N, C-alpha and C. Protein backbone atom coordinates (compact mmCIF):
# COMPACT_ATOMS: atom_id res chain seq x y z
N GLN A 1 92.74 9.06 115.62
CA GLN A 1 92.58 7.66 115.25
C GLN A 1 93.65 7.29 114.23
N PHE A 2 94.41 6.26 114.56
CA PHE A 2 95.46 5.81 113.66
C PHE A 2 94.87 4.94 112.56
N MET A 3 95.39 5.11 111.36
CA MET A 3 94.93 4.33 110.21
C MET A 3 96.14 3.76 109.49
N THR A 4 95.97 2.60 108.92
CA THR A 4 97.04 1.96 108.17
C THR A 4 96.99 2.42 106.71
N ILE A 5 98.10 2.96 106.22
CA ILE A 5 98.18 3.42 104.84
C ILE A 5 98.48 2.23 103.94
N VAL A 6 97.61 2.02 102.97
CA VAL A 6 97.78 0.87 102.07
C VAL A 6 98.20 1.30 100.67
N GLY A 7 98.23 2.62 100.42
CA GLY A 7 98.64 3.08 99.09
C GLY A 7 98.59 4.59 99.00
N VAL A 8 99.36 5.14 98.09
CA VAL A 8 99.40 6.58 97.83
C VAL A 8 99.13 6.80 96.34
N VAL A 9 98.20 7.72 96.04
CA VAL A 9 97.83 7.98 94.65
C VAL A 9 98.24 9.40 94.27
N PRO A 10 98.34 9.70 92.96
CA PRO A 10 98.68 11.07 92.53
C PRO A 10 97.61 12.07 92.94
N ASP A 11 97.97 13.35 92.88
CA ASP A 11 97.02 14.41 93.23
C ASP A 11 95.83 14.40 92.27
N VAL A 12 94.66 14.69 92.81
CA VAL A 12 93.42 14.75 92.03
C VAL A 12 92.75 16.09 92.31
N ARG A 13 92.44 16.83 91.26
CA ARG A 13 91.76 18.11 91.40
C ARG A 13 90.25 17.86 91.43
N SER A 14 89.77 17.39 92.54
CA SER A 14 88.36 17.02 92.66
C SER A 14 87.43 18.22 92.74
N SER A 15 87.95 19.40 93.06
CA SER A 15 87.12 20.61 93.17
C SER A 15 87.13 21.46 91.92
N GLY A 16 87.73 20.96 90.83
CA GLY A 16 87.80 21.73 89.59
C GLY A 16 89.24 22.02 89.20
N LEU A 17 89.43 22.31 87.92
CA LEU A 17 90.78 22.54 87.42
C LEU A 17 91.37 23.85 87.89
N ARG A 18 90.53 24.80 88.29
CA ARG A 18 91.04 26.09 88.74
C ARG A 18 91.67 26.01 90.13
N ARG A 19 91.26 25.02 90.92
CA ARG A 19 91.77 24.91 92.30
C ARG A 19 92.85 23.85 92.38
N GLN A 20 93.84 24.14 93.19
CA GLN A 20 94.91 23.19 93.38
C GLN A 20 94.41 21.98 94.17
N ALA A 21 95.05 20.86 93.94
CA ALA A 21 94.66 19.64 94.65
C ALA A 21 94.98 19.77 96.14
N SER A 22 94.03 19.39 96.96
CA SER A 22 94.22 19.45 98.41
C SER A 22 94.52 18.06 98.95
N SER A 23 95.00 18.01 100.17
CA SER A 23 95.31 16.73 100.79
C SER A 23 94.01 16.00 101.14
N GLU A 24 93.91 14.75 100.75
CA GLU A 24 92.72 13.96 101.00
C GLU A 24 93.11 12.57 101.48
N VAL A 25 92.18 11.97 102.21
CA VAL A 25 92.36 10.60 102.68
C VAL A 25 91.19 9.77 102.18
N TYR A 26 91.49 8.69 101.50
CA TYR A 26 90.45 7.76 101.05
C TYR A 26 90.31 6.66 102.10
N ALA A 27 89.14 6.58 102.68
CA ALA A 27 88.92 5.60 103.75
C ALA A 27 87.82 4.63 103.34
N LEU A 28 87.77 3.49 104.01
CA LEU A 28 86.75 2.48 103.74
C LEU A 28 85.38 3.03 104.10
N TYR A 29 84.44 2.92 103.19
CA TYR A 29 83.12 3.52 103.39
C TYR A 29 82.41 2.93 104.62
N PHE A 30 82.50 1.64 104.80
CA PHE A 30 81.76 0.99 105.90
C PHE A 30 82.32 1.37 107.27
N GLN A 31 83.56 1.85 107.31
CA GLN A 31 84.13 2.28 108.59
C GLN A 31 83.94 3.77 108.84
N HIS A 32 83.70 4.53 107.77
CA HIS A 32 83.57 5.98 107.90
C HIS A 32 82.36 6.45 107.10
N ALA A 33 81.21 5.86 107.32
CA ALA A 33 80.01 6.19 106.56
C ALA A 33 79.51 7.58 106.93
N ASP A 34 78.99 8.28 105.94
CA ASP A 34 78.44 9.61 106.14
C ASP A 34 77.13 9.67 105.36
N SER A 35 76.06 10.03 106.02
CA SER A 35 74.76 10.02 105.37
C SER A 35 74.65 11.11 104.30
N ALA A 36 75.51 12.13 104.35
CA ALA A 36 75.41 13.24 103.40
C ALA A 36 76.33 13.06 102.20
N MET A 37 77.08 11.99 102.15
CA MET A 37 78.06 11.85 101.08
C MET A 37 77.42 11.28 99.82
N ASP A 38 78.01 11.64 98.70
CA ASP A 38 77.60 11.12 97.40
C ASP A 38 78.58 10.04 96.97
N THR A 39 78.11 9.15 96.14
CA THR A 39 78.96 8.08 95.64
C THR A 39 79.11 8.23 94.14
N THR A 40 80.34 8.16 93.67
CA THR A 40 80.60 8.26 92.24
C THR A 40 81.08 6.91 91.74
N LEU A 41 80.40 6.41 90.74
CA LEU A 41 80.77 5.13 90.12
C LEU A 41 81.38 5.42 88.76
N VAL A 42 82.63 5.08 88.59
CA VAL A 42 83.33 5.32 87.33
C VAL A 42 83.30 4.03 86.50
N VAL A 43 82.72 4.13 85.32
CA VAL A 43 82.61 2.97 84.42
C VAL A 43 83.37 3.28 83.14
N ARG A 44 84.30 2.46 82.81
CA ARG A 44 85.07 2.65 81.58
C ARG A 44 84.42 1.81 80.47
N GLY A 45 83.88 2.49 79.48
CA GLY A 45 83.21 1.79 78.40
C GLY A 45 82.43 2.75 77.54
N PRO A 46 81.76 2.26 76.51
CA PRO A 46 80.99 3.12 75.61
C PRO A 46 79.74 3.68 76.28
N ALA A 47 79.20 4.74 75.67
CA ALA A 47 78.03 5.42 76.24
C ALA A 47 76.78 4.56 76.18
N ASN A 48 76.74 3.57 75.31
CA ASN A 48 75.53 2.74 75.20
C ASN A 48 75.35 1.80 76.39
N LEU A 49 76.28 1.84 77.35
CA LEU A 49 76.13 1.03 78.57
C LEU A 49 75.26 1.71 79.61
N HIS A 50 74.87 2.96 79.39
CA HIS A 50 74.09 3.70 80.39
C HIS A 50 72.82 2.99 80.81
N PRO A 51 72.00 2.50 79.87
CA PRO A 51 70.77 1.81 80.31
C PRO A 51 71.05 0.59 81.17
N GLN A 52 72.08 -0.17 80.81
CA GLN A 52 72.40 -1.37 81.59
C GLN A 52 72.85 -1.00 83.00
N ILE A 53 73.64 0.07 83.11
CA ILE A 53 74.10 0.50 84.43
C ILE A 53 72.93 0.92 85.30
N LYS A 54 72.00 1.66 84.73
CA LYS A 54 70.82 2.09 85.49
C LYS A 54 70.01 0.89 85.97
N ARG A 55 69.86 -0.12 85.12
CA ARG A 55 69.09 -1.31 85.52
C ARG A 55 69.79 -2.04 86.66
N ILE A 56 71.11 -2.12 86.60
CA ILE A 56 71.85 -2.83 87.65
C ILE A 56 71.71 -2.10 88.98
N VAL A 57 71.87 -0.76 88.96
CA VAL A 57 71.77 0.02 90.19
C VAL A 57 70.35 -0.05 90.74
N SER A 58 69.35 0.03 89.88
CA SER A 58 67.96 -0.04 90.34
C SER A 58 67.64 -1.41 90.92
N ALA A 59 68.24 -2.45 90.38
CA ALA A 59 68.01 -3.79 90.92
C ALA A 59 68.62 -3.91 92.31
N LEU A 60 69.73 -3.23 92.56
CA LEU A 60 70.35 -3.28 93.89
C LEU A 60 69.59 -2.43 94.89
N ASN A 61 69.14 -1.25 94.46
CA ASN A 61 68.42 -0.35 95.37
C ASN A 61 67.58 0.61 94.52
N ARG A 62 66.27 0.45 94.57
CA ARG A 62 65.39 1.26 93.73
C ARG A 62 65.36 2.73 94.14
N SER A 63 65.70 3.04 95.39
CA SER A 63 65.64 4.43 95.85
C SER A 63 66.89 5.23 95.52
N THR A 64 67.87 4.60 94.89
CA THR A 64 69.11 5.29 94.55
C THR A 64 68.95 6.04 93.24
N ALA A 65 69.18 7.36 93.28
CA ALA A 65 69.10 8.17 92.07
C ALA A 65 70.39 8.01 91.27
N VAL A 66 70.25 7.83 89.96
CA VAL A 66 71.41 7.61 89.09
C VAL A 66 71.48 8.75 88.07
N ASP A 67 72.58 9.45 88.05
CA ASP A 67 72.81 10.53 87.09
C ASP A 67 74.08 10.20 86.33
N LEU A 68 73.93 9.79 85.09
CA LEU A 68 75.07 9.37 84.28
C LEU A 68 75.55 10.51 83.40
N GLU A 69 76.86 10.69 83.35
CA GLU A 69 77.46 11.75 82.55
C GLU A 69 78.83 11.29 82.09
N SER A 70 79.15 11.57 80.84
CA SER A 70 80.45 11.17 80.32
C SER A 70 81.56 12.02 80.95
N MET A 71 82.77 11.47 80.98
CA MET A 71 83.89 12.20 81.56
C MET A 71 84.20 13.46 80.77
N ASP A 72 84.02 13.38 79.43
CA ASP A 72 84.24 14.57 78.61
C ASP A 72 83.27 15.69 79.00
N ALA A 73 82.02 15.32 79.28
CA ALA A 73 81.03 16.32 79.68
C ALA A 73 81.36 16.90 81.06
N VAL A 74 81.85 16.07 81.96
CA VAL A 74 82.23 16.55 83.30
C VAL A 74 83.36 17.56 83.20
N ILE A 75 84.39 17.22 82.41
CA ILE A 75 85.54 18.12 82.26
C ILE A 75 85.11 19.39 81.54
N SER A 76 84.30 19.23 80.50
CA SER A 76 83.84 20.40 79.74
C SER A 76 83.04 21.36 80.62
N GLY A 77 82.20 20.80 81.49
CA GLY A 77 81.42 21.65 82.37
C GLY A 77 82.26 22.34 83.42
N SER A 78 83.35 21.71 83.84
CA SER A 78 84.19 22.30 84.89
C SER A 78 85.06 23.43 84.35
N ILE A 79 85.28 23.47 83.04
CA ILE A 79 86.13 24.52 82.46
C ILE A 79 85.32 25.39 81.49
N GLY A 80 84.00 25.46 81.70
CA GLY A 80 83.17 26.27 80.82
C GLY A 80 83.57 27.73 80.83
N ARG A 81 83.84 28.26 82.02
CA ARG A 81 84.23 29.67 82.13
C ARG A 81 85.57 29.91 81.45
N GLU A 82 86.53 29.01 81.67
CA GLU A 82 87.85 29.16 81.06
C GLU A 82 87.75 29.05 79.54
N ARG A 83 86.88 28.15 79.05
CA ARG A 83 86.73 27.99 77.61
C ARG A 83 86.17 29.26 76.98
N PHE A 84 85.20 29.89 77.67
CA PHE A 84 84.64 31.15 77.17
C PHE A 84 85.71 32.25 77.16
N GLN A 85 86.50 32.33 78.24
CA GLN A 85 87.55 33.34 78.30
C GLN A 85 88.59 33.11 77.20
N THR A 86 88.92 31.84 76.96
CA THR A 86 89.89 31.54 75.92
C THR A 86 89.35 31.89 74.54
N SER A 87 88.07 31.60 74.30
CA SER A 87 87.46 31.96 73.02
C SER A 87 87.45 33.47 72.84
N LEU A 88 87.14 34.19 73.91
CA LEU A 88 87.14 35.66 73.84
C LEU A 88 88.55 36.18 73.58
N LEU A 89 89.53 35.57 74.25
CA LEU A 89 90.92 35.97 74.05
C LEU A 89 91.35 35.68 72.62
N GLY A 90 90.91 34.54 72.07
CA GLY A 90 91.23 34.20 70.69
C GLY A 90 90.62 35.18 69.71
N LEU A 91 89.40 35.64 70.01
CA LEU A 91 88.75 36.64 69.15
C LEU A 91 89.53 37.95 69.16
N PHE A 92 89.97 38.38 70.35
CA PHE A 92 90.78 39.59 70.44
C PHE A 92 92.11 39.42 69.70
N ALA A 93 92.70 38.24 69.82
CA ALA A 93 93.97 37.98 69.13
C ALA A 93 93.80 38.03 67.62
N ALA A 94 92.70 37.45 67.12
CA ALA A 94 92.44 37.49 65.69
C ALA A 94 92.21 38.92 65.22
N SER A 95 91.52 39.71 66.03
CA SER A 95 91.30 41.12 65.68
C SER A 95 92.63 41.88 65.66
N ALA A 96 93.49 41.58 66.64
CA ALA A 96 94.80 42.23 66.68
C ALA A 96 95.63 41.86 65.46
N LEU A 97 95.57 40.58 65.05
CA LEU A 97 96.30 40.13 63.87
C LEU A 97 95.79 40.86 62.62
N LEU A 98 94.46 40.97 62.51
CA LEU A 98 93.88 41.66 61.35
C LEU A 98 94.30 43.13 61.32
N LEU A 99 94.26 43.78 62.49
CA LEU A 99 94.66 45.19 62.56
C LEU A 99 96.14 45.37 62.21
N ALA A 100 96.97 44.43 62.67
CA ALA A 100 98.40 44.52 62.37
C ALA A 100 98.66 44.37 60.87
N VAL A 101 97.99 43.40 60.24
CA VAL A 101 98.18 43.20 58.80
C VAL A 101 97.67 44.40 58.02
N VAL A 102 96.50 44.91 58.39
CA VAL A 102 95.95 46.09 57.71
C VAL A 102 96.87 47.29 57.91
N GLY A 103 97.44 47.41 59.11
CA GLY A 103 98.36 48.51 59.38
C GLY A 103 99.60 48.44 58.53
N VAL A 104 100.20 47.23 58.43
CA VAL A 104 101.39 47.07 57.59
C VAL A 104 101.05 47.37 56.13
N TYR A 105 99.91 46.85 55.69
CA TYR A 105 99.49 47.09 54.30
C TYR A 105 99.28 48.59 54.06
N GLY A 106 98.63 49.27 55.00
CA GLY A 106 98.37 50.70 54.84
C GLY A 106 99.64 51.53 54.77
N VAL A 107 100.59 51.21 55.67
CA VAL A 107 101.85 51.96 55.68
C VAL A 107 102.62 51.77 54.37
N LEU A 108 102.72 50.52 53.93
CA LEU A 108 103.47 50.25 52.69
C LEU A 108 102.74 50.81 51.47
N SER A 109 101.42 50.71 51.48
CA SER A 109 100.66 51.24 50.36
C SER A 109 100.85 52.75 50.24
N TYR A 110 100.84 53.42 51.39
CA TYR A 110 101.06 54.87 51.39
C TYR A 110 102.48 55.20 50.94
N THR A 111 103.45 54.39 51.40
CA THR A 111 104.84 54.62 51.02
C THR A 111 105.05 54.43 49.53
N VAL A 112 104.44 53.37 48.97
CA VAL A 112 104.58 53.10 47.54
C VAL A 112 103.95 54.23 46.73
N THR A 113 102.78 54.72 47.20
CA THR A 113 102.13 55.82 46.49
C THR A 113 103.01 57.07 46.50
N GLY A 114 103.67 57.34 47.61
CA GLY A 114 104.55 58.50 47.71
C GLY A 114 105.84 58.36 46.92
N ARG A 115 106.20 57.11 46.59
CA ARG A 115 107.45 56.87 45.85
C ARG A 115 107.16 56.43 44.42
N THR A 116 106.00 56.81 43.90
CA THR A 116 105.64 56.41 42.54
C THR A 116 106.66 56.90 41.52
N SER A 117 107.06 58.16 41.65
CA SER A 117 108.04 58.71 40.71
C SER A 117 109.37 57.96 40.79
N GLU A 118 109.79 57.67 42.03
CA GLU A 118 111.06 56.93 42.20
C GLU A 118 110.98 55.56 41.55
N MET A 119 109.86 54.85 41.76
CA MET A 119 109.70 53.53 41.17
C MET A 119 109.71 53.61 39.65
N GLY A 120 109.06 54.67 39.12
CA GLY A 120 109.05 54.82 37.66
C GLY A 120 110.44 55.05 37.11
N VAL A 121 111.23 55.85 37.81
CA VAL A 121 112.61 56.09 37.37
C VAL A 121 113.42 54.80 37.44
N ARG A 122 113.26 54.04 38.51
CA ARG A 122 113.99 52.78 38.65
C ARG A 122 113.66 51.83 37.49
N ILE A 123 112.36 51.73 37.17
CA ILE A 123 111.96 50.83 36.09
C ILE A 123 112.48 51.35 34.76
N ALA A 124 112.45 52.68 34.57
CA ALA A 124 112.94 53.25 33.31
C ALA A 124 114.44 53.03 33.14
N LEU A 125 115.16 52.95 34.27
CA LEU A 125 116.62 52.74 34.20
C LEU A 125 116.99 51.26 34.12
N GLY A 126 115.99 50.38 34.07
CA GLY A 126 116.28 48.97 33.84
C GLY A 126 115.96 48.04 34.99
N ALA A 127 115.40 48.54 36.08
CA ALA A 127 115.03 47.66 37.20
C ALA A 127 113.87 46.77 36.77
N ASN A 128 113.99 45.47 37.03
CA ASN A 128 112.91 44.57 36.68
C ASN A 128 111.89 44.49 37.81
N ARG A 129 110.80 43.79 37.55
CA ARG A 129 109.73 43.70 38.53
C ARG A 129 110.19 43.00 39.81
N GLY A 130 111.03 41.98 39.64
CA GLY A 130 111.50 41.24 40.81
C GLY A 130 112.27 42.11 41.78
N SER A 131 113.12 42.98 41.26
CA SER A 131 113.92 43.86 42.14
C SER A 131 113.04 44.88 42.84
N ILE A 132 111.98 45.36 42.16
CA ILE A 132 111.06 46.31 42.80
C ILE A 132 110.29 45.62 43.91
N VAL A 133 109.83 44.40 43.65
CA VAL A 133 109.11 43.65 44.68
C VAL A 133 109.99 43.40 45.89
N ARG A 134 111.24 43.00 45.65
CA ARG A 134 112.16 42.74 46.76
C ARG A 134 112.44 44.01 47.54
N LEU A 135 112.51 45.16 46.84
CA LEU A 135 112.78 46.43 47.52
C LEU A 135 111.65 46.76 48.51
N VAL A 136 110.41 46.61 48.06
CA VAL A 136 109.28 46.92 48.94
C VAL A 136 109.15 45.88 50.04
N LEU A 137 109.35 44.61 49.71
CA LEU A 137 109.26 43.56 50.72
C LEU A 137 110.33 43.73 51.80
N ARG A 138 111.51 44.19 51.39
CA ARG A 138 112.59 44.40 52.37
C ARG A 138 112.17 45.47 53.38
N GLN A 139 111.55 46.54 52.88
CA GLN A 139 111.10 47.60 53.78
C GLN A 139 109.99 47.09 54.69
N GLY A 140 109.07 46.28 54.13
CA GLY A 140 107.99 45.74 54.95
C GLY A 140 108.49 44.73 55.97
N SER A 141 109.52 43.96 55.60
CA SER A 141 110.05 42.95 56.52
C SER A 141 110.65 43.60 57.76
N ILE A 142 111.24 44.79 57.59
CA ILE A 142 111.79 45.49 58.75
C ILE A 142 110.68 45.81 59.74
N LEU A 143 109.54 46.27 59.23
CA LEU A 143 108.39 46.56 60.10
C LEU A 143 107.88 45.29 60.77
N VAL A 144 107.77 44.21 59.98
CA VAL A 144 107.20 42.96 60.50
C VAL A 144 108.07 42.39 61.61
N PHE A 145 109.36 42.26 61.36
CA PHE A 145 110.23 41.62 62.34
C PHE A 145 110.49 42.52 63.55
N THR A 146 110.40 43.83 63.36
CA THR A 146 110.45 44.71 64.53
C THR A 146 109.24 44.49 65.41
N GLY A 147 108.07 44.37 64.78
CA GLY A 147 106.84 44.10 65.55
C GLY A 147 106.88 42.75 66.24
N VAL A 148 107.43 41.74 65.56
CA VAL A 148 107.53 40.41 66.17
C VAL A 148 108.44 40.45 67.39
N THR A 149 109.56 41.14 67.27
CA THR A 149 110.50 41.23 68.40
C THR A 149 109.86 41.93 69.59
N LEU A 150 109.19 43.05 69.34
CA LEU A 150 108.53 43.77 70.43
C LEU A 150 107.39 42.94 71.01
N GLY A 151 106.69 42.20 70.16
CA GLY A 151 105.60 41.36 70.65
C GLY A 151 106.09 40.23 71.54
N LEU A 152 107.21 39.61 71.18
CA LEU A 152 107.77 38.55 72.01
C LEU A 152 108.23 39.10 73.36
N LEU A 153 108.82 40.28 73.34
CA LEU A 153 109.22 40.90 74.61
C LEU A 153 108.00 41.23 75.46
N GLY A 154 106.93 41.70 74.83
CA GLY A 154 105.71 41.99 75.57
C GLY A 154 105.06 40.76 76.13
N SER A 155 105.16 39.63 75.40
CA SER A 155 104.55 38.39 75.89
C SER A 155 105.24 37.89 77.15
N ILE A 156 106.52 38.20 77.31
CA ILE A 156 107.23 37.78 78.52
C ILE A 156 106.63 38.45 79.75
N PHE A 157 106.25 39.72 79.61
CA PHE A 157 105.67 40.45 80.74
C PHE A 157 104.19 40.09 80.94
N ALA A 158 103.57 39.49 79.94
CA ALA A 158 102.15 39.15 80.05
C ALA A 158 101.92 37.71 80.51
N THR A 159 102.98 36.99 80.83
CA THR A 159 102.83 35.58 81.17
C THR A 159 102.01 35.36 82.45
N ARG A 160 102.14 36.27 83.41
CA ARG A 160 101.38 36.10 84.66
C ARG A 160 99.89 36.20 84.41
N VAL A 161 99.49 37.08 83.48
CA VAL A 161 98.07 37.22 83.16
C VAL A 161 97.58 35.99 82.41
N LEU A 162 98.39 35.50 81.47
CA LEU A 162 97.98 34.35 80.66
C LEU A 162 97.97 33.05 81.45
N GLN A 163 98.74 32.98 82.53
CA GLN A 163 98.84 31.74 83.30
C GLN A 163 97.48 31.29 83.82
N SER A 164 96.59 32.21 84.13
CA SER A 164 95.28 31.85 84.67
C SER A 164 94.38 31.20 83.63
N PHE A 165 94.72 31.32 82.34
CA PHE A 165 93.91 30.73 81.28
C PHE A 165 94.41 29.35 80.87
N LEU A 166 95.55 28.93 81.39
CA LEU A 166 96.19 27.71 80.90
C LEU A 166 96.17 26.61 81.95
N PHE A 167 96.09 25.37 81.47
CA PHE A 167 96.14 24.20 82.34
C PHE A 167 97.12 23.21 81.74
N GLN A 168 98.13 22.87 82.52
CA GLN A 168 99.16 21.92 82.10
C GLN A 168 99.86 22.38 80.83
N VAL A 169 99.90 23.67 80.58
CA VAL A 169 100.62 24.25 79.46
C VAL A 169 101.42 25.43 79.99
N GLN A 170 102.69 25.46 79.69
CA GLN A 170 103.53 26.54 80.14
C GLN A 170 103.32 27.78 79.28
N THR A 171 103.40 28.96 79.89
CA THR A 171 103.21 30.20 79.14
C THR A 171 104.32 30.41 78.11
N GLY A 172 105.47 29.85 78.36
CA GLY A 172 106.57 29.97 77.40
C GLY A 172 106.70 28.77 76.50
N ASP A 173 105.60 28.13 76.17
CA ASP A 173 105.61 26.93 75.33
C ASP A 173 106.21 27.28 73.96
N PRO A 174 107.35 26.68 73.58
CA PRO A 174 108.01 27.05 72.31
C PRO A 174 107.13 26.81 71.10
N SER A 175 106.42 25.69 71.07
CA SER A 175 105.59 25.38 69.90
C SER A 175 104.49 26.41 69.71
N ALA A 176 103.88 26.87 70.81
CA ALA A 176 102.83 27.88 70.70
C ALA A 176 103.40 29.21 70.21
N LEU A 177 104.55 29.61 70.77
CA LEU A 177 105.15 30.87 70.35
C LEU A 177 105.57 30.83 68.88
N LEU A 178 106.16 29.71 68.46
CA LEU A 178 106.61 29.61 67.08
C LEU A 178 105.43 29.62 66.11
N SER A 179 104.34 28.93 66.48
CA SER A 179 103.18 28.90 65.59
C SER A 179 102.55 30.28 65.45
N VAL A 180 102.47 31.03 66.56
CA VAL A 180 101.90 32.38 66.51
C VAL A 180 102.79 33.30 65.68
N VAL A 181 104.10 33.23 65.90
CA VAL A 181 105.03 34.07 65.14
C VAL A 181 104.95 33.75 63.65
N ALA A 182 104.92 32.45 63.32
CA ALA A 182 104.85 32.05 61.91
C ALA A 182 103.56 32.55 61.26
N LEU A 183 102.44 32.44 62.00
CA LEU A 183 101.16 32.92 61.46
C LEU A 183 101.20 34.42 61.22
N PHE A 184 101.72 35.18 62.18
CA PHE A 184 101.77 36.63 62.02
C PHE A 184 102.69 37.03 60.87
N VAL A 185 103.87 36.41 60.81
CA VAL A 185 104.82 36.76 59.75
C VAL A 185 104.23 36.46 58.38
N ALA A 186 103.59 35.29 58.24
CA ALA A 186 103.00 34.93 56.95
C ALA A 186 101.90 35.91 56.55
N ALA A 187 101.04 36.26 57.51
CA ALA A 187 99.95 37.19 57.19
C ALA A 187 100.48 38.59 56.89
N ALA A 188 101.47 39.04 57.66
CA ALA A 188 102.02 40.37 57.45
C ALA A 188 102.78 40.47 56.13
N LEU A 189 103.53 39.42 55.78
CA LEU A 189 104.25 39.44 54.50
C LEU A 189 103.27 39.43 53.33
N LEU A 190 102.13 38.78 53.52
CA LEU A 190 101.09 38.85 52.48
C LEU A 190 100.60 40.28 52.31
N GLY A 191 100.44 40.97 53.44
CA GLY A 191 100.07 42.38 53.37
C GLY A 191 101.16 43.24 52.73
N CYS A 192 102.42 42.83 52.84
CA CYS A 192 103.51 43.55 52.20
C CYS A 192 103.56 43.26 50.70
N TYR A 193 103.17 42.06 50.32
CA TYR A 193 103.31 41.65 48.92
C TYR A 193 102.36 42.42 48.01
N LEU A 194 101.18 42.74 48.49
CA LEU A 194 100.20 43.42 47.63
C LEU A 194 100.70 44.79 47.18
N PRO A 195 101.19 45.67 48.10
CA PRO A 195 101.77 46.94 47.62
C PRO A 195 103.02 46.74 46.76
N ALA A 196 103.82 45.70 47.09
CA ALA A 196 105.03 45.44 46.30
C ALA A 196 104.65 45.04 44.88
N ARG A 197 103.62 44.25 44.74
CA ARG A 197 103.17 43.85 43.41
C ARG A 197 102.65 45.04 42.62
N ARG A 198 101.94 45.92 43.31
CA ARG A 198 101.42 47.12 42.64
C ARG A 198 102.57 48.03 42.21
N ALA A 199 103.60 48.13 43.06
CA ALA A 199 104.74 48.98 42.71
C ALA A 199 105.48 48.46 41.48
N SER A 200 105.54 47.12 41.34
CA SER A 200 106.28 46.55 40.21
C SER A 200 105.55 46.76 38.88
N ARG A 201 104.28 47.14 38.94
CA ARG A 201 103.50 47.32 37.72
C ARG A 201 103.30 48.80 37.36
N ILE A 202 104.07 49.67 38.00
CA ILE A 202 103.95 51.09 37.69
C ILE A 202 104.48 51.35 36.27
N ASP A 203 103.74 52.12 35.51
CA ASP A 203 104.15 52.50 34.15
C ASP A 203 105.08 53.70 34.26
N PRO A 204 106.32 53.58 33.78
CA PRO A 204 107.29 54.69 33.90
C PRO A 204 106.77 55.99 33.27
N ALA A 205 106.05 55.86 32.17
CA ALA A 205 105.55 57.07 31.50
C ALA A 205 104.53 57.79 32.37
N GLU A 206 103.64 57.04 33.00
CA GLU A 206 102.65 57.65 33.89
C GLU A 206 103.30 58.19 35.17
N ALA A 207 104.34 57.48 35.63
CA ALA A 207 105.03 57.95 36.85
C ALA A 207 105.76 59.26 36.58
């Protein structure tokens, strides 16, 4: 049956965000009626219009069941599984960040403890606290930026896995990568600063 095309609309993911949009034809209801089909009425306006909409539909046909739901609720329900997976992934990422910071802190703390005598000699020979802090931070920065570099390389290989969690966001989104790197560097440098501060307060006589 030939039909006259009166317009073309963008793709619509009517089966959910996880599924790609399929080819569809919108036809006039009165020419292609189906007793099993559902009708969706989209109303743009505040939520307090729900009672009025129900009264209008009931006045037209009392046997018509009306189920009103906001568009935010519809979208939220369609991505419930993805939202849970993303929250779980975020929890794992936060745990990984905590472990990385604790690891950097532990390594530097152990190193500072092993170099107590050296730090005492440096301070006795005239090194100020600022130079001691910079010395320890420099060593910690090498660890941090090495980890960041390896992490960025690893993220390139993990993009295929992450793609299933994202919608309309590229896996190589620069803003997301920069924000994650900045957060990790800031947290890791904080973990470096604590041992560096302790090293700068070593008493040469006790060392």
